[in-house]
Amino acid sequence: MKEPKSPQEVFQLQKLRRDDPQRFLQIVNNWLKEDPRNFRAYFKRHFVWSDMGQPRRALEDLDKVVELNPTQPAFFARGMVHRQLGDHENALVDFRRGEALGKEEWQKHAITLFFQADSYAHVGDEANALDCCARLPENFWTPGYEGAPGGGKAEIAEELRRLPRMPSANGCNAMA
């Protein structure tokens, strides 16, 4: 199977990813044999590793994507895998790198700010968490997923203030 070009082909590939992840992996691995610099194939494959509960392998693929094509989606995706692993500090490194590529574009996709705010709160940086939250659109609302709080801006900000904080390197609670 060649890389999808039409919306129908993309849909079929995504259906295959859900229905037969092993076959999906075979297809994407063949694309990578043909072109080891195919960042789109690494990006697609990281989703399967995440779906299969193998975030470290997803992270390896995203490292390759960032090496080959360092874009906002690449940094956001890698930041999300770091979050999944509980590594909010490295998630923030990626979120900041993604945002640095274009703050306006980063803010257009409010979900980026939402997860960035949550990671700031987890490392005890309430000021930056609340700043990201304040930059969310006024009508932003989420049911809360991926371990982040739900609600509108005010509810999210209030919940971020209450999150248990990661201990700092010296063993003290960063926001205590």
N, C-alpha and C. Protein backbone atom coordinates (compact mmCIF):
# COMPACT_ATOMS: atom_id res chain seq x y z
N MET A 1 0.84 -1.18 0.00
CA MET A 1 0.00 0.00 0.00
C MET A 1 0.89 1.24 0.00
N LYS A 2 0.59 2.16 -0.89
CA LYS A 2 1.32 3.42 -0.97
C LYS A 2 0.76 4.39 0.06
N GLU A 3 1.52 5.45 0.32
CA GLU A 3 1.03 6.47 1.24
C GLU A 3 -0.25 7.09 0.69
N PRO A 4 -1.20 7.35 1.56
CA PRO A 4 -2.48 7.89 1.10
C PRO A 4 -2.34 9.29 0.54
N LYS A 5 -3.12 9.57 -0.48
CA LYS A 5 -3.13 10.89 -1.12
C LYS A 5 -4.50 11.55 -0.99
N SER A 6 -5.55 10.76 -1.08
CA SER A 6 -6.91 11.31 -1.05
C SER A 6 -7.50 11.16 0.36
N PRO A 7 -8.53 11.93 0.66
CA PRO A 7 -9.21 11.77 1.97
C PRO A 7 -9.72 10.35 2.18
N GLN A 8 -10.20 9.72 1.11
CA GLN A 8 -10.68 8.33 1.22
C GLN A 8 -9.56 7.39 1.63
N GLU A 9 -8.40 7.56 1.01
CA GLU A 9 -7.25 6.71 1.33
C GLU A 9 -6.78 6.95 2.77
N VAL A 10 -6.80 8.20 3.21
CA VAL A 10 -6.43 8.52 4.60
C VAL A 10 -7.40 7.83 5.55
N PHE A 11 -8.69 7.92 5.24
CA PHE A 11 -9.70 7.28 6.07
C PHE A 11 -9.47 5.76 6.14
N GLN A 12 -9.19 5.14 5.00
CA GLN A 12 -8.94 3.69 4.96
C GLN A 12 -7.73 3.32 5.81
N LEU A 13 -6.68 4.13 5.73
CA LEU A 13 -5.48 3.84 6.51
C LEU A 13 -5.77 3.97 8.01
N GLN A 14 -6.54 5.00 8.40
CA GLN A 14 -6.88 5.17 9.81
C GLN A 14 -7.76 4.02 10.30
N LYS A 15 -8.66 3.56 9.46
CA LYS A 15 -9.49 2.41 9.81
C LYS A 15 -8.62 1.18 10.01
N LEU A 16 -7.64 0.99 9.14
CA LEU A 16 -6.72 -0.13 9.28
C LEU A 16 -5.94 -0.01 10.59
N ARG A 17 -5.51 1.18 10.94
CA ARG A 17 -4.78 1.40 12.20
C ARG A 17 -5.61 0.91 13.39
N ARG A 18 -6.89 1.21 13.38
CA ARG A 18 -7.76 0.78 14.48
C ARG A 18 -8.07 -0.72 14.42
N ASP A 19 -8.35 -1.21 13.21
CA ASP A 19 -8.81 -2.59 13.06
C ASP A 19 -7.70 -3.63 13.06
N ASP A 20 -6.55 -3.26 12.51
CA ASP A 20 -5.45 -4.22 12.38
C ASP A 20 -4.10 -3.51 12.54
N PRO A 21 -3.76 -3.15 13.78
CA PRO A 21 -2.53 -2.38 13.99
C PRO A 21 -1.27 -3.09 13.49
N GLN A 22 -1.23 -4.41 13.55
CA GLN A 22 -0.05 -5.12 13.07
C GLN A 22 0.13 -4.95 11.56
N ARG A 23 -0.97 -5.01 10.84
CA ARG A 23 -0.90 -4.79 9.38
C ARG A 23 -0.51 -3.35 9.09
N PHE A 24 -1.05 -2.41 9.85
CA PHE A 24 -0.69 -1.00 9.71
C PHE A 24 0.81 -0.83 9.90
N LEU A 25 1.35 -1.47 10.94
CA LEU A 25 2.80 -1.38 11.19
C LEU A 25 3.60 -1.94 10.02
N GLN A 26 3.16 -3.05 9.46
CA GLN A 26 3.86 -3.62 8.31
C GLN A 26 3.91 -2.63 7.15
N ILE A 27 2.80 -1.99 6.89
CA ILE A 27 2.72 -1.04 5.78
C ILE A 27 3.66 0.13 6.03
N VAL A 28 3.58 0.72 7.21
CA VAL A 28 4.41 1.88 7.52
C VAL A 28 5.88 1.49 7.55
N ASN A 29 6.18 0.32 8.08
CA ASN A 29 7.58 -0.14 8.08
C ASN A 29 8.11 -0.30 6.66
N ASN A 30 7.26 -0.73 5.74
CA ASN A 30 7.67 -0.83 4.33
C ASN A 30 7.97 0.55 3.76
N TRP A 31 7.16 1.55 4.11
CA TRP A 31 7.44 2.91 3.66
C TRP A 31 8.80 3.36 4.16
N LEU A 32 9.12 2.99 5.41
CA LEU A 32 10.40 3.40 6.00
C LEU A 32 11.57 2.64 5.38
N LYS A 33 11.35 1.42 4.95
CA LYS A 33 12.41 0.69 4.23
C LYS A 33 12.72 1.39 2.91
N GLU A 34 11.67 1.86 2.25
CA GLU A 34 11.84 2.56 0.97
C GLU A 34 12.49 3.93 1.17
N ASP A 35 12.13 4.59 2.27
CA ASP A 35 12.66 5.93 2.53
C ASP A 35 12.80 6.14 4.04
N PRO A 36 13.99 5.87 4.59
CA PRO A 36 14.19 6.01 6.04
C PRO A 36 14.06 7.46 6.55
N ARG A 37 13.96 8.41 5.64
CA ARG A 37 13.80 9.81 6.05
C ARG A 37 12.35 10.28 5.92
N ASN A 38 11.43 9.35 5.81
CA ASN A 38 10.01 9.65 5.65
C ASN A 38 9.42 10.01 7.02
N PHE A 39 9.48 11.29 7.35
CA PHE A 39 9.00 11.73 8.67
C PHE A 39 7.51 11.48 8.85
N ARG A 40 6.74 11.50 7.76
CA ARG A 40 5.30 11.25 7.88
C ARG A 40 5.04 9.81 8.35
N ALA A 41 5.85 8.88 7.90
CA ALA A 41 5.69 7.48 8.31
C ALA A 41 6.01 7.32 9.80
N TYR A 42 7.09 7.96 10.26
CA TYR A 42 7.40 7.90 11.69
C TYR A 42 6.27 8.51 12.51
N PHE A 43 5.73 9.63 12.02
CA PHE A 43 4.64 10.30 12.74
C PHE A 43 3.42 9.39 12.82
N LYS A 44 3.06 8.78 11.71
CA LYS A 44 1.91 7.87 11.69
C LYS A 44 2.15 6.68 12.62
N ARG A 45 3.36 6.16 12.61
CA ARG A 45 3.66 4.96 13.40
C ARG A 45 3.62 5.26 14.90
N HIS A 46 3.96 6.48 15.30
CA HIS A 46 3.96 6.77 16.73
C HIS A 46 2.57 6.59 17.34
N PHE A 47 1.53 6.86 16.53
CA PHE A 47 0.17 6.68 17.05
C PHE A 47 -0.10 5.22 17.41
N VAL A 48 0.38 4.30 16.58
CA VAL A 48 0.15 2.88 16.84
C VAL A 48 0.89 2.45 18.11
N TRP A 49 2.13 2.91 18.26
CA TRP A 49 2.86 2.55 19.48
C TRP A 49 2.11 3.07 20.71
N SER A 50 1.60 4.28 20.63
CA SER A 50 0.82 4.82 21.76
C SER A 50 -0.44 4.00 22.00
N ASP A 51 -1.13 3.68 20.91
CA ASP A 51 -2.35 2.86 21.02
C ASP A 51 -2.06 1.51 21.65
N MET A 52 -0.87 0.98 21.39
CA MET A 52 -0.49 -0.34 21.88
C MET A 52 0.16 -0.29 23.27
N GLY A 53 0.17 0.88 23.87
CA GLY A 53 0.74 1.01 25.21
C GLY A 53 2.26 0.96 25.22
N GLN A 54 2.88 1.44 24.15
CA GLN A 54 4.34 1.46 24.06
C GLN A 54 4.83 2.89 23.82
N PRO A 55 4.65 3.76 24.83
CA PRO A 55 5.01 5.16 24.64
C PRO A 55 6.50 5.39 24.37
N ARG A 56 7.36 4.55 24.86
CA ARG A 56 8.80 4.74 24.60
C ARG A 56 9.11 4.59 23.11
N ARG A 57 8.44 3.62 22.48
CA ARG A 57 8.65 3.44 21.04
C ARG A 57 8.04 4.62 20.28
N ALA A 58 6.90 5.13 20.77
CA ALA A 58 6.30 6.32 20.15
C ALA A 58 7.26 7.49 20.25
N LEU A 59 7.90 7.62 21.41
CA LEU A 59 8.86 8.70 21.62
C LEU A 59 10.05 8.58 20.66
N GLU A 60 10.54 7.37 20.45
CA GLU A 60 11.64 7.17 19.50
C GLU A 60 11.25 7.64 18.10
N ASP A 61 10.03 7.30 17.68
CA ASP A 61 9.58 7.74 16.36
C ASP A 61 9.45 9.25 16.31
N LEU A 62 8.95 9.86 17.36
CA LEU A 62 8.79 11.31 17.37
C LEU A 62 10.15 12.02 17.45
N ASP A 63 11.12 11.40 18.10
CA ASP A 63 12.48 11.96 18.08
C ASP A 63 12.96 12.05 16.63
N LYS A 64 12.68 11.01 15.87
CA LYS A 64 13.09 10.99 14.46
C LYS A 64 12.32 12.05 13.66
N VAL A 65 11.03 12.21 13.95
CA VAL A 65 10.24 13.23 13.26
C VAL A 65 10.82 14.61 13.54
N VAL A 66 11.14 14.89 14.80
CA VAL A 66 11.69 16.20 15.16
C VAL A 66 13.04 16.41 14.48
N GLU A 67 13.83 15.36 14.37
CA GLU A 67 15.13 15.46 13.69
C GLU A 67 14.94 15.80 12.21
N LEU A 68 13.96 15.17 11.57
CA LEU A 68 13.75 15.32 10.13
C LEU A 68 12.88 16.51 9.75
N ASN A 69 11.91 16.85 10.60
CA ASN A 69 10.94 17.89 10.26
C ASN A 69 10.39 18.52 11.55
N PRO A 70 11.18 19.42 12.14
CA PRO A 70 10.80 20.00 13.44
C PRO A 70 9.67 21.04 13.31
N THR A 71 8.44 20.56 13.38
CA THR A 71 7.26 21.42 13.24
C THR A 71 6.48 21.47 14.55
N GLN A 72 5.53 22.39 14.61
CA GLN A 72 4.68 22.47 15.80
C GLN A 72 3.96 21.15 16.08
N PRO A 73 3.35 20.51 15.08
CA PRO A 73 2.70 19.23 15.38
C PRO A 73 3.66 18.18 15.93
N ALA A 74 4.89 18.17 15.44
CA ALA A 74 5.88 17.20 15.92
C ALA A 74 6.22 17.46 17.38
N PHE A 75 6.47 18.73 17.72
CA PHE A 75 6.79 19.06 19.11
C PHE A 75 5.60 18.83 20.03
N PHE A 76 4.40 19.16 19.56
CA PHE A 76 3.21 18.93 20.39
C PHE A 76 3.02 17.43 20.64
N ALA A 77 3.13 16.63 19.60
CA ALA A 77 2.94 15.18 19.75
C ALA A 77 3.98 14.59 20.70
N ARG A 78 5.22 15.02 20.56
CA ARG A 78 6.27 14.49 21.46
C ARG A 78 6.03 14.96 22.88
N GLY A 79 5.60 16.20 23.04
CA GLY A 79 5.26 16.69 24.37
C GLY A 79 4.14 15.87 25.00
N MET A 80 3.18 15.49 24.19
CA MET A 80 2.07 14.68 24.71
C MET A 80 2.54 13.30 25.16
N VAL A 81 3.48 12.71 24.44
CA VAL A 81 4.00 11.41 24.87
C VAL A 81 4.79 11.58 26.17
N HIS A 82 5.56 12.65 26.29
CA HIS A 82 6.25 12.90 27.55
C HIS A 82 5.24 13.02 28.69
N ARG A 83 4.13 13.72 28.45
CA ARG A 83 3.08 13.84 29.47
C ARG A 83 2.55 12.46 29.84
N GLN A 84 2.31 11.63 28.83
CA GLN A 84 1.80 10.29 29.06
C GLN A 84 2.75 9.52 29.98
N LEU A 85 4.03 9.77 29.84
CA LEU A 85 5.04 9.11 30.67
C LEU A 85 5.22 9.80 32.03
N GLY A 86 4.48 10.88 32.27
CA GLY A 86 4.60 11.61 33.53
C GLY A 86 5.78 12.56 33.56
N ASP A 87 6.40 12.80 32.43
CA ASP A 87 7.58 13.66 32.34
C ASP A 87 7.16 15.05 31.85
N HIS A 88 6.57 15.82 32.76
CA HIS A 88 6.06 17.14 32.40
C HIS A 88 7.17 18.13 32.08
N GLU A 89 8.34 17.95 32.66
CA GLU A 89 9.44 18.87 32.35
C GLU A 89 9.85 18.77 30.89
N ASN A 90 10.02 17.55 30.38
CA ASN A 90 10.37 17.40 28.96
C ASN A 90 9.19 17.73 28.06
N ALA A 91 7.97 17.50 28.54
CA ALA A 91 6.80 17.93 27.77
C ALA A 91 6.86 19.44 27.56
N LEU A 92 7.20 20.17 28.61
CA LEU A 92 7.28 21.63 28.50
C LEU A 92 8.40 22.08 27.57
N VAL A 93 9.50 21.36 27.56
CA VAL A 93 10.58 21.70 26.63
C VAL A 93 10.03 21.64 25.21
N ASP A 94 9.30 20.57 24.89
CA ASP A 94 8.74 20.44 23.55
C ASP A 94 7.63 21.45 23.29
N PHE A 95 6.77 21.68 24.27
CA PHE A 95 5.70 22.67 24.07
C PHE A 95 6.29 24.05 23.82
N ARG A 96 7.33 24.41 24.57
CA ARG A 96 7.95 25.73 24.36
C ARG A 96 8.62 25.81 22.99
N ARG A 97 9.25 24.72 22.57
CA ARG A 97 9.89 24.72 21.24
C ARG A 97 8.83 24.86 20.14
N GLY A 98 7.71 24.16 20.31
CA GLY A 98 6.63 24.28 19.34
C GLY A 98 6.07 25.69 19.31
N GLU A 99 5.84 26.26 20.47
CA GLU A 99 5.30 27.62 20.54
C GLU A 99 6.28 28.63 19.93
N ALA A 100 7.57 28.41 20.12
CA ALA A 100 8.58 29.33 19.59
C ALA A 100 8.57 29.36 18.06
N LEU A 101 8.06 28.34 17.44
CA LEU A 101 7.99 28.31 15.97
C LEU A 101 6.89 29.23 15.44
N GLY A 102 6.04 29.71 16.32
CA GLY A 102 4.97 30.63 15.91
C GLY A 102 3.89 30.70 16.96
N LYS A 103 3.96 31.73 17.79
CA LYS A 103 3.04 31.85 18.93
C LYS A 103 1.58 31.95 18.47
N GLU A 104 1.33 32.71 17.40
CA GLU A 104 -0.05 32.87 16.92
C GLU A 104 -0.63 31.54 16.49
N GLU A 105 0.12 30.79 15.72
CA GLU A 105 -0.35 29.48 15.25
C GLU A 105 -0.56 28.53 16.43
N TRP A 106 0.36 28.57 17.38
CA TRP A 106 0.27 27.71 18.57
C TRP A 106 -1.04 27.99 19.30
N GLN A 107 -1.38 29.25 19.45
CA GLN A 107 -2.59 29.63 20.19
C GLN A 107 -3.87 29.34 19.41
N LYS A 108 -3.79 29.26 18.08
CA LYS A 108 -4.97 28.93 17.28
C LYS A 108 -5.54 27.58 17.68
N HIS A 109 -4.65 26.69 18.03
CA HIS A 109 -5.05 25.34 18.43
C HIS A 109 -5.04 25.31 19.95
N ALA A 110 -6.10 25.78 20.55
CA ALA A 110 -6.16 26.00 21.99
C ALA A 110 -5.74 24.78 22.81
N ILE A 111 -5.89 23.62 22.26
CA ILE A 111 -5.54 22.41 23.00
C ILE A 111 -4.06 22.41 23.37
N THR A 112 -3.23 23.06 22.53
CA THR A 112 -1.81 23.14 22.84
C THR A 112 -1.59 23.92 24.14
N LEU A 113 -2.26 25.07 24.26
CA LEU A 113 -2.14 25.88 25.48
C LEU A 113 -2.71 25.14 26.68
N PHE A 114 -3.80 24.42 26.48
CA PHE A 114 -4.44 23.68 27.56
C PHE A 114 -3.48 22.66 28.18
N PHE A 115 -2.86 21.84 27.34
CA PHE A 115 -1.94 20.84 27.87
C PHE A 115 -0.65 21.47 28.39
N GLN A 116 -0.23 22.54 27.77
CA GLN A 116 0.94 23.26 28.26
C GLN A 116 0.66 23.81 29.66
N ALA A 117 -0.52 24.39 29.86
CA ALA A 117 -0.90 24.90 31.18
C ALA A 117 -0.89 23.78 32.21
N ASP A 118 -1.44 22.64 31.85
CA ASP A 118 -1.49 21.51 32.77
C ASP A 118 -0.09 21.03 33.15
N SER A 119 0.80 20.97 32.18
CA SER A 119 2.17 20.54 32.49
C SER A 119 2.88 21.56 33.37
N TYR A 120 2.68 22.85 33.10
CA TYR A 120 3.27 23.87 33.98
C TYR A 120 2.77 23.67 35.41
N ALA A 121 1.49 23.41 35.57
CA ALA A 121 0.95 23.21 36.91
C ALA A 121 1.58 21.99 37.58
N HIS A 122 1.79 20.93 36.81
CA HIS A 122 2.38 19.72 37.38
C HIS A 122 3.82 19.92 37.86
N VAL A 123 4.54 20.84 37.24
CA VAL A 123 5.91 21.07 37.70
C VAL A 123 5.98 22.20 38.73
N GLY A 124 4.81 22.74 39.08
CA GLY A 124 4.78 23.75 40.13
C GLY A 124 4.94 25.17 39.65
N ASP A 125 4.81 25.42 38.37
CA ASP A 125 4.94 26.77 37.83
C ASP A 125 3.54 27.34 37.60
N GLU A 126 2.92 27.77 38.70
CA GLU A 126 1.55 28.26 38.63
C GLU A 126 1.42 29.49 37.75
N ALA A 127 2.38 30.40 37.77
CA ALA A 127 2.29 31.63 36.98
C ALA A 127 2.19 31.31 35.48
N ASN A 128 3.06 30.43 34.99
CA ASN A 128 2.99 30.09 33.57
C ASN A 128 1.76 29.24 33.25
N ALA A 129 1.34 28.40 34.19
CA ALA A 129 0.11 27.62 33.97
C ALA A 129 -1.07 28.55 33.79
N LEU A 130 -1.17 29.54 34.65
CA LEU A 130 -2.29 30.47 34.57
C LEU A 130 -2.18 31.39 33.36
N ASP A 131 -0.95 31.73 32.96
CA ASP A 131 -0.77 32.53 31.75
C ASP A 131 -1.27 31.77 30.53
N CYS A 132 -0.91 30.50 30.40
CA CYS A 132 -1.40 29.69 29.27
C CYS A 132 -2.92 29.59 29.32
N CYS A 133 -3.45 29.39 30.51
CA CYS A 133 -4.90 29.28 30.68
C CYS A 133 -5.58 30.59 30.27
N ALA A 134 -5.01 31.72 30.63
CA ALA A 134 -5.59 33.02 30.29
C ALA A 134 -5.60 33.25 28.78
N ARG A 135 -4.67 32.63 28.06
CA ARG A 135 -4.61 32.81 26.61
C ARG A 135 -5.56 31.89 25.86
N LEU A 136 -6.26 31.01 26.58
CA LEU A 136 -7.27 30.18 25.92
C LEU A 136 -8.42 31.06 25.44
N PRO A 137 -9.10 30.68 24.37
CA PRO A 137 -10.25 31.46 23.92
C PRO A 137 -11.32 31.54 25.02
N GLU A 138 -12.07 32.62 25.04
CA GLU A 138 -13.08 32.82 26.08
C GLU A 138 -14.09 31.68 26.14
N ASN A 139 -14.41 31.10 24.98
CA ASN A 139 -15.42 30.03 24.94
C ASN A 139 -14.81 28.64 25.06
N PHE A 140 -13.54 28.53 25.45
CA PHE A 140 -12.89 27.23 25.54
C PHE A 140 -13.56 26.39 26.62
N TRP A 141 -13.78 25.13 26.30
CA TRP A 141 -14.34 24.17 27.24
C TRP A 141 -13.82 22.80 26.86
N THR A 142 -13.55 21.98 27.85
CA THR A 142 -13.12 20.60 27.60
C THR A 142 -13.73 19.69 28.66
N PRO A 143 -14.02 18.45 28.29
CA PRO A 143 -14.51 17.52 29.30
C PRO A 143 -13.40 17.07 30.23
N GLY A 144 -12.16 17.40 29.87
CA GLY A 144 -11.02 16.94 30.65
C GLY A 144 -10.62 15.56 30.18
N TYR A 145 -9.46 15.45 29.64
CA TYR A 145 -8.94 14.14 29.22
C TYR A 145 -7.44 14.16 29.27
N GLU A 146 -6.86 12.98 29.11
CA GLU A 146 -5.41 12.82 29.22
C GLU A 146 -4.91 13.28 30.59
N GLY A 147 -5.76 13.15 31.60
CA GLY A 147 -5.36 13.52 32.96
C GLY A 147 -5.43 14.99 33.27
N ALA A 148 -5.88 15.81 32.34
CA ALA A 148 -5.97 17.26 32.56
C ALA A 148 -7.38 17.62 33.01
N PRO A 149 -7.52 18.76 33.69
CA PRO A 149 -8.84 19.13 34.22
C PRO A 149 -9.84 19.50 33.13
N GLY A 150 -11.11 19.41 33.46
CA GLY A 150 -12.17 19.76 32.53
C GLY A 150 -12.84 21.06 32.93
N GLY A 151 -13.68 21.55 32.04
CA GLY A 151 -14.45 22.76 32.28
C GLY A 151 -14.04 23.89 31.36
N GLY A 152 -14.50 25.08 31.71
CA GLY A 152 -14.12 26.29 31.00
C GLY A 152 -12.85 26.87 31.59
N LYS A 153 -12.45 28.03 31.08
CA LYS A 153 -11.19 28.64 31.52
C LYS A 153 -11.12 28.81 33.04
N ALA A 154 -12.17 29.33 33.65
CA ALA A 154 -12.15 29.59 35.09
C ALA A 154 -12.03 28.30 35.88
N GLU A 155 -12.80 27.28 35.49
CA GLU A 155 -12.74 25.99 36.20
C GLU A 155 -11.37 25.33 36.03
N ILE A 156 -10.83 25.41 34.83
CA ILE A 156 -9.51 24.82 34.57
C ILE A 156 -8.46 25.53 35.41
N ALA A 157 -8.49 26.86 35.42
CA ALA A 157 -7.50 27.63 36.20
C ALA A 157 -7.60 27.26 37.67
N GLU A 158 -8.81 27.14 38.19
CA GLU A 158 -8.98 26.79 39.61
C GLU A 158 -8.42 25.40 39.89
N GLU A 159 -8.69 24.47 38.99
CA GLU A 159 -8.18 23.10 39.18
C GLU A 159 -6.66 23.06 39.07
N LEU A 160 -6.09 23.83 38.16
CA LEU A 160 -4.63 23.85 38.01
C LEU A 160 -3.97 24.37 39.29
N ARG A 161 -4.62 25.28 39.97
CA ARG A 161 -4.08 25.80 41.24
C ARG A 161 -4.06 24.71 42.33
N ARG A 162 -4.95 23.72 42.20
CA ARG A 162 -5.06 22.67 43.22
C ARG A 162 -4.27 21.40 42.91
N LEU A 163 -3.68 21.32 41.74
CA LEU A 163 -2.97 20.09 41.38
C LEU A 163 -1.85 19.78 42.36
N PRO A 164 -1.68 18.51 42.71
CA PRO A 164 -0.50 18.15 43.50
C PRO A 164 0.75 18.43 42.67
N ARG A 165 1.73 18.97 43.28
CA ARG A 165 2.94 19.38 42.57
C ARG A 165 4.01 18.32 42.67
N MET A 166 4.84 18.29 41.62
CA MET A 166 5.99 17.38 41.62
C MET A 166 7.01 17.91 42.62
N PRO A 167 7.68 17.02 43.34
CA PRO A 167 8.75 17.50 44.22
C PRO A 167 9.88 18.09 43.40
N SER A 168 10.49 19.13 43.91
CA SER A 168 11.63 19.71 43.21
C SER A 168 12.86 18.85 43.47
N ALA A 169 13.94 19.21 42.84
CA ALA A 169 15.18 18.42 42.94
C ALA A 169 15.68 18.34 44.37
N ASN A 170 15.39 19.36 45.19
CA ASN A 170 15.89 19.33 46.56
C ASN A 170 14.92 18.63 47.51
N GLY A 171 13.85 18.04 46.96
CA GLY A 171 12.93 17.27 47.77
C GLY A 171 11.79 18.07 48.35
N CYS A 172 11.78 19.39 48.16
CA CYS A 172 10.70 20.22 48.66
C CYS A 172 9.61 20.30 47.60
N ASN A 173 8.38 20.47 48.04
CA ASN A 173 7.28 20.63 47.10
C ASN A 173 7.40 22.00 46.46
N ALA A 174 7.37 22.04 45.15
CA ALA A 174 7.65 23.28 44.41
C ALA A 174 6.67 24.39 44.70
N MET A 175 5.41 24.06 45.07
CA MET A 175 4.45 25.14 45.29
C MET A 175 3.94 25.16 46.72
N ALA A 176 4.53 24.41 47.60
CA ALA A 176 4.04 24.37 48.98
C ALA A 176 4.32 25.66 49.70
